[in-house]
Amino acid sequence: MKIAIEKNWRLMMQTYSDQSELVAKINLAYSKFINEFNDIPENKRTLLLVPVDKTPSQMLSYQLGWLTLLLSWEEQESAGKSAVTPTPDFKWNNLGGLYRQFYTEFGNQSLASQRDKLDQLVQQTCSWILTLSIDELFGSHQREWANNQAQWPLWKWIHINTVAPFTNFRPKIRKWKKLAVSAD
């Protein structure tokens, strides 16, 4: 247990030297994560196996939801609007409800559709990162939406919505696949 906590702490404390390093880490973590879905049959995408807390479709829906939100916050602020985090309908103390909304919104799509959309969102996120200056990415108080709750620099918001879940979900989907095969 102590090793898992220390590993998660290190993931949260990850730092990057510049935009390119963050983009490279996102692409590496994403590639490892998404490739785990190559051999999952469509008819098992919603199979919930007790030791794993999410189905394959839910894991993808979670990522689709968070990346959609992250990009929408930036888009709203760029348009001169005030972004409400996480959403106008959900507060930070009701993330379970938000996750259920993600599963409803994205979970009825095929795995291929979810993967295609996630590919697009990861690419959009990486393209956006490359437009940011060093000060915007690593400085404090660079965006109002990033100051609403945790007051983190942008890189940290991006990290916890890309690298961290891609890395943390990969062992879950691998475990799910082992259990799904043994259930056959």
C-alpha atoms as a PDB file:
ATOM      1  CA  MET A   1       0.000   0.000   0.000  1.00  0.00           C
ATOM      2  CA  LYS A   2       2.811   2.400   0.915  1.00  0.00           C
ATOM      3  CA  ILE A   3       4.501   1.847  -2.464  1.00  0.00           C
ATOM      4  CA  ALA A   4       1.248   2.619  -4.336  1.00  0.00           C
ATOM      5  CA  ILE A   5       0.766   5.841  -2.379  1.00  0.00           C
ATOM      6  CA  GLU A   6       4.344   6.921  -3.041  1.00  0.00           C
ATOM      7  CA  LYS A   7       3.981   6.117  -6.761  1.00  0.00           C
ATOM      8  CA  ASN A   8       0.741   8.128  -7.002  1.00  0.00           C
ATOM      9  CA  TRP A   9       2.356  11.009  -5.117  1.00  0.00           C
ATOM     10  CA  ARG A  10       5.256  11.033  -7.574  1.00  0.00           C
ATOM     11  CA  LEU A  11       2.811  11.082 -10.499  1.00  0.00           C
ATOM     12  CA  MET A  12       1.016  14.081  -9.022  1.00  0.00           C
ATOM     13  CA  MET A  13       4.295  15.873  -8.395  1.00  0.00           C
ATOM     14  CA  GLN A  14       5.610  15.337 -11.926  1.00  0.00           C
ATOM     15  CA  THR A  15       7.103  18.476 -13.390  1.00  0.00           C
ATOM     16  CA  TYR A  16       8.053  19.382 -16.934  1.00  0.00           C
ATOM     17  CA  SER A  17      10.721  21.649 -18.371  1.00  0.00           C
ATOM     18  CA  ASP A  18       8.643  22.955 -21.283  1.00  0.00           C
ATOM     19  CA  GLN A  19       5.599  22.431 -23.493  1.00  0.00           C
ATOM     20  CA  SER A  20       7.262  19.781 -25.650  1.00  0.00           C
ATOM     21  CA  GLU A  21       8.159  17.624 -22.668  1.00  0.00           C
ATOM     22  CA  LEU A  22       4.559  17.707 -21.389  1.00  0.00           C
ATOM     23  CA  VAL A  23       3.207  16.863 -24.854  1.00  0.00           C
ATOM     24  CA  ALA A  24       5.675  13.976 -25.195  1.00  0.00           C
ATOM     25  CA  LYS A  25       4.630  12.586 -21.792  1.00  0.00           C
ATOM     26  CA  ILE A  26       0.938  12.878 -22.699  1.00  0.00           C
ATOM     27  CA  ASN A  27       1.501  11.097 -26.011  1.00  0.00           C
ATOM     28  CA  LEU A  28       3.520   8.308 -24.389  1.00  0.00           C
ATOM     29  CA  ALA A  29       1.022   7.700 -21.573  1.00  0.00           C
ATOM     30  CA  TYR A  30      -1.898   7.918 -23.988  1.00  0.00           C
ATOM     31  CA  SER A  31      -0.331   5.506 -26.468  1.00  0.00           C
ATOM     32  CA  LYS A  32       0.241   2.893 -23.771  1.00  0.00           C
ATOM     33  CA  PHE A  33      -3.291   3.371 -22.417  1.00  0.00           C
ATOM     34  CA  ILE A  34      -5.221   3.386 -25.695  1.00  0.00           C
ATOM     35  CA  ASN A  35      -3.339   0.418 -27.167  1.00  0.00           C
ATOM     36  CA  GLU A  36      -4.759  -1.722 -24.357  1.00  0.00           C
ATOM     37  CA  PHE A  37      -8.154  -1.382 -26.074  1.00  0.00           C
ATOM     38  CA  ASN A  38      -7.002  -2.940 -29.363  1.00  0.00           C
ATOM     39  CA  ASP A  39      -8.212  -6.426 -28.523  1.00  0.00           C
ATOM     40  CA  ILE A  40     -11.357  -5.700 -26.504  1.00  0.00           C
ATOM     41  CA  PRO A  41     -14.440  -7.051 -28.263  1.00  0.00           C
ATOM     42  CA  GLU A  42     -17.228  -4.533 -28.798  1.00  0.00           C
ATOM     43  CA  ASN A  43     -19.754  -6.846 -27.142  1.00  0.00           C
ATOM     44  CA  LYS A  44     -17.778  -6.661 -23.862  1.00  0.00           C
ATOM     45  CA  ARG A  45     -17.257  -2.888 -23.738  1.00  0.00           C
ATOM     46  CA  THR A  46     -19.849  -2.480 -20.955  1.00  0.00           C
ATOM     47  CA  LEU A  47     -18.906  -5.586 -18.954  1.00  0.00           C
ATOM     48  CA  LEU A  48     -18.290  -4.606 -15.337  1.00  0.00           C
ATOM     49  CA  LEU A  49     -16.015  -7.004 -13.489  1.00  0.00           C
ATOM     50  CA  VAL A  50     -16.082  -6.672  -9.696  1.00  0.00           C
ATOM     51  CA  PRO A  51     -12.363  -6.172  -8.951  1.00  0.00           C
ATOM     52  CA  VAL A  52     -12.183  -3.368 -11.548  1.00  0.00           C
ATOM     53  CA  ASP A  53     -14.353  -0.342 -10.797  1.00  0.00           C
ATOM     54  CA  LYS A  54     -15.023   0.690 -14.410  1.00  0.00           C
ATOM     55  CA  THR A  55     -15.913  -0.956 -17.696  1.00  0.00           C
ATOM     56  CA  PRO A  56     -13.720  -0.315 -20.749  1.00  0.00           C
ATOM     57  CA  SER A  57     -16.367   2.073 -22.075  1.00  0.00           C
ATOM     58  CA  GLN A  58     -16.498   3.921 -18.751  1.00  0.00           C
ATOM     59  CA  MET A  59     -12.722   4.388 -18.734  1.00  0.00           C
ATOM     60  CA  LEU A  60     -12.874   5.964 -22.177  1.00  0.00           C
ATOM     61  CA  SER A  61     -15.965   8.001 -21.249  1.00  0.00           C
ATOM     62  CA  TYR A  62     -14.184   9.359 -18.172  1.00  0.00           C
ATOM     63  CA  GLN A  63     -11.291  10.553 -20.317  1.00  0.00           C
ATOM     64  CA  LEU A  64     -13.601  11.964 -22.983  1.00  0.00           C
ATOM     65  CA  GLY A  65     -15.496  13.893 -20.327  1.00  0.00           C
ATOM     66  CA  TRP A  66     -12.493  15.430 -18.614  1.00  0.00           C
ATOM     67  CA  LEU A  67     -10.676  16.413 -21.796  1.00  0.00           C
ATOM     68  CA  THR A  68     -13.881  17.921 -23.187  1.00  0.00           C
ATOM     69  CA  LEU A  69     -14.259  19.962 -19.994  1.00  0.00           C
ATOM     70  CA  LEU A  70     -10.627  21.053 -19.902  1.00  0.00           C
ATOM     71  CA  LEU A  71     -10.761  22.319 -23.476  1.00  0.00           C
ATOM     72  CA  SER A  72     -14.160  23.939 -22.938  1.00  0.00           C
ATOM     73  CA  TRP A  73     -12.892  25.905 -19.930  1.00  0.00           C
ATOM     74  CA  GLU A  74     -10.089  27.314 -22.048  1.00  0.00           C
ATOM     75  CA  GLU A  75     -12.428  28.009 -24.963  1.00  0.00           C
ATOM     76  CA  GLN A  76     -14.937  29.814 -22.734  1.00  0.00           C
ATOM     77  CA  GLU A  77     -12.280  32.011 -21.158  1.00  0.00           C
ATOM     78  CA  SER A  78     -10.718  32.779 -24.545  1.00  0.00           C
ATOM     79  CA  ALA A  79     -14.169  33.932 -25.704  1.00  0.00           C
ATOM     80  CA  GLY A  80     -14.377  36.309 -22.737  1.00  0.00           C
ATOM     81  CA  LYS A  81     -16.847  34.162 -20.815  1.00  0.00           C
ATOM     82  CA  SER A  82     -16.558  32.898 -17.272  1.00  0.00           C
ATOM     83  CA  ALA A  83     -15.970  29.138 -17.104  1.00  0.00           C
ATOM     84  CA  VAL A  84     -17.658  27.343 -14.237  1.00  0.00           C
ATOM     85  CA  THR A  85     -15.596  24.407 -13.000  1.00  0.00           C
ATOM     86  CA  PRO A  86     -16.228  21.592 -13.192  1.00  0.00           C
ATOM     87  CA  THR A  87     -19.613  22.436 -14.816  1.00  0.00           C
ATOM     88  CA  PRO A  88     -22.619  24.637 -14.069  1.00  0.00           C
ATOM     89  CA  ASP A  89     -24.576  21.480 -13.177  1.00  0.00           C
ATOM     90  CA  PHE A  90     -21.965  19.767 -10.987  1.00  0.00           C
ATOM     91  CA  LYS A  91     -19.817  21.042  -8.150  1.00  0.00           C
ATOM     92  CA  TRP A  92     -16.515  19.570  -6.991  1.00  0.00           C
ATOM     93  CA  ASN A  93     -18.301  17.703  -4.185  1.00  0.00           C
ATOM     94  CA  ASN A  94     -20.425  15.762  -6.711  1.00  0.00           C
ATOM     95  CA  LEU A  95     -17.873  14.224  -9.038  1.00  0.00           C
ATOM     96  CA  GLY A  96     -19.709  10.891  -8.921  1.00  0.00           C
ATOM     97  CA  GLY A  97     -22.688  12.560 -10.574  1.00  0.00           C
ATOM     98  CA  LEU A  98     -20.403  14.137 -13.148  1.00  0.00           C
ATOM     99  CA  TYR A  99     -18.844  10.763 -13.947  1.00  0.00           C
ATOM    100  CA  ARG A 100     -22.305   9.241 -14.418  1.00  0.00           C
ATOM    101  CA  GLN A 101     -23.042  12.063 -16.866  1.00  0.00           C
ATOM    102  CA  PHE A 102     -19.833  11.228 -18.752  1.00  0.00           C
ATOM    103  CA  TYR A 103     -20.889   7.565 -18.937  1.00  0.00           C
ATOM    104  CA  THR A 104     -24.333   8.547 -20.241  1.00  0.00           C
ATOM    105  CA  GLU A 105     -23.020  11.101 -22.728  1.00  0.00           C
ATOM    106  CA  PHE A 106     -20.200   9.028 -24.208  1.00  0.00           C
ATOM    107  CA  GLY A 107     -20.917   5.442 -23.128  1.00  0.00           C
ATOM    108  CA  ASN A 108     -23.491   4.644 -25.794  1.00  0.00           C
ATOM    109  CA  GLN A 109     -20.850   5.017 -28.508  1.00  0.00           C
ATOM    110  CA  SER A 110     -18.861   2.093 -29.843  1.00  0.00           C
ATOM    111  CA  LEU A 111     -15.326   1.607 -28.553  1.00  0.00           C
ATOM    112  CA  ALA A 112     -14.047   2.619 -31.985  1.00  0.00           C
ATOM    113  CA  SER A 113     -16.022   5.870 -31.858  1.00  0.00           C
ATOM    114  CA  GLN A 114     -14.874   6.591 -28.326  1.00  0.00           C
ATOM    115  CA  ARG A 115     -11.269   5.943 -29.318  1.00  0.00           C
ATOM    116  CA  ASP A 116     -11.537   8.157 -32.399  1.00  0.00           C
ATOM    117  CA  LYS A 117     -13.009  11.008 -30.358  1.00  0.00           C
ATOM    118  CA  LEU A 118     -10.378  10.571 -27.635  1.00  0.00           C
ATOM    119  CA  ASP A 119      -7.615  10.620 -30.274  1.00  0.00           C
ATOM    120  CA  GLN A 120      -8.996  13.960 -31.484  1.00  0.00           C
ATOM    121  CA  LEU A 121      -9.230  15.415 -27.982  1.00  0.00           C
ATOM    122  CA  VAL A 122      -5.696  14.352 -27.068  1.00  0.00           C
ATOM    123  CA  GLN A 123      -4.432  15.936 -30.298  1.00  0.00           C
ATOM    124  CA  GLN A 124      -6.392  19.136 -29.587  1.00  0.00           C
ATOM    125  CA  THR A 125      -5.000  19.248 -26.058  1.00  0.00           C
ATOM    126  CA  CYS A 126      -1.428  18.781 -27.272  1.00  0.00           C
ATOM    127  CA  SER A 127      -1.875  21.425 -29.974  1.00  0.00           C
ATOM    128  CA  TRP A 128      -3.243  23.855 -27.387  1.00  0.00           C
ATOM    129  CA  ILE A 129      -0.314  23.190 -25.030  1.00  0.00           C
ATOM    130  CA  LEU A 130       2.140  24.044 -27.795  1.00  0.00           C
ATOM    131  CA  THR A 131       0.487  27.467 -28.203  1.00  0.00           C
ATOM    132  CA  LEU A 132       1.034  28.334 -24.537  1.00  0.00           C
ATOM    133  CA  SER A 133       4.002  30.344 -23.384  1.00  0.00           C
ATOM    134  CA  ILE A 134       6.217  29.051 -20.580  1.00  0.00           C
ATOM    135  CA  ASP A 135       4.635  31.637 -18.265  1.00  0.00           C
ATOM    136  CA  GLU A 136       1.099  30.575 -19.214  1.00  0.00           C
ATOM    137  CA  LEU A 137       1.851  26.883 -18.735  1.00  0.00           C
ATOM    138  CA  PHE A 138       3.889  27.053 -15.538  1.00  0.00           C
ATOM    139  CA  GLY A 139       2.960  30.370 -13.945  1.00  0.00           C
ATOM    140  CA  SER A 140       0.362  30.951 -11.257  1.00  0.00           C
ATOM    141  CA  HIS A 141      -2.948  32.707 -11.893  1.00  0.00           C
ATOM    142  CA  GLN A 142      -2.759  32.463 -15.693  1.00  0.00           C
ATOM    143  CA  ARG A 143      -6.417  31.563 -16.203  1.00  0.00           C
ATOM    144  CA  GLU A 144      -9.497  32.352 -14.150  1.00  0.00           C
ATOM    145  CA  TRP A 145     -10.816  28.800 -14.597  1.00  0.00           C
ATOM    146  CA  ALA A 146      -7.569  27.412 -13.144  1.00  0.00           C
ATOM    147  CA  ASN A 147      -7.923  29.676 -10.104  1.00  0.00           C
ATOM    148  CA  ASN A 148     -11.495  28.653  -9.265  1.00  0.00           C
ATOM    149  CA  GLN A 149     -10.752  25.643  -7.085  1.00  0.00           C
ATOM    150  CA  ALA A 150      -7.202  24.447  -6.634  1.00  0.00           C
ATOM    151  CA  GLN A 151      -5.381  27.512  -8.004  1.00  0.00           C
ATOM    152  CA  TRP A 152      -2.931  25.316  -9.869  1.00  0.00           C
ATOM    153  CA  PRO A 153      -0.813  26.292 -12.847  1.00  0.00           C
ATOM    154  CA  LEU A 154      -2.169  25.059 -16.189  1.00  0.00           C
ATOM    155  CA  TRP A 155       0.399  22.260 -16.518  1.00  0.00           C
ATOM    156  CA  LYS A 156      -0.951  20.631 -13.361  1.00  0.00           C
ATOM    157  CA  TRP A 157      -4.579  20.789 -14.532  1.00  0.00           C
ATOM    158  CA  ILE A 158      -3.471  19.279 -17.835  1.00  0.00           C
ATOM    159  CA  HIS A 159      -1.364  16.585 -16.136  1.00  0.00           C
ATOM    160  CA  ILE A 160      -4.137  15.405 -13.813  1.00  0.00           C
ATOM    161  CA  ASN A 161      -6.541  15.147 -16.739  1.00  0.00           C
ATOM    162  CA  THR A 162      -4.172  13.381 -19.139  1.00  0.00           C
ATOM    163  CA  VAL A 163      -0.956  11.742 -17.954  1.00  0.00           C
ATOM    164  CA  ALA A 164      -2.193  10.742 -14.492  1.00  0.00           C
ATOM    165  CA  PRO A 165      -5.433   8.984 -15.522  1.00  0.00           C
ATOM    166  CA  PHE A 166      -3.890   7.428 -18.636  1.00  0.00           C
ATOM    167  CA  THR A 167      -1.188   5.989 -16.383  1.00  0.00           C
ATOM    168  CA  ASN A 168      -3.557   4.970 -13.570  1.00  0.00           C
ATOM    169  CA  PHE A 169      -6.194   3.409 -15.841  1.00  0.00           C
ATOM    170  CA  ARG A 170      -3.716   1.296 -17.803  1.00  0.00           C
ATOM    171  CA  PRO A 171      -3.269  -1.330 -15.036  1.00  0.00           C
ATOM    172  CA  LYS A 172      -7.050  -1.337 -14.554  1.00  0.00           C
ATOM    173  CA  ILE A 173      -7.777  -2.119 -18.183  1.00  0.00           C
ATOM    174  CA  ARG A 174      -5.031  -4.750 -18.194  1.00  0.00           C
ATOM    175  CA  LYS A 175      -6.597  -6.368 -15.107  1.00  0.00           C
ATOM    176  CA  TRP A 176     -10.034  -6.147 -16.718  1.00  0.00           C
ATOM    177  CA  LYS A 177      -8.732  -7.937 -19.822  1.00  0.00           C
ATOM    178  CA  LYS A 178      -7.204 -10.775 -17.770  1.00  0.00           C
ATOM    179  CA  LEU A 179     -10.451 -11.229 -15.866  1.00  0.00           C
ATOM    180  CA  ALA A 180     -12.589 -11.027 -19.024  1.00  0.00           C
ATOM    181  CA  VAL A 181     -10.521 -13.744 -20.699  1.00  0.00           C
ATOM    182  CA  SER A 182     -10.738 -15.989 -17.656  1.00  0.00           C
ATOM    183  CA  ALA A 183     -14.518 -15.426 -17.536  1.00  0.00           C
ATOM    184  CA  ASP A 184     -14.898 -16.910 -21.042  1.00  0.00           C
END
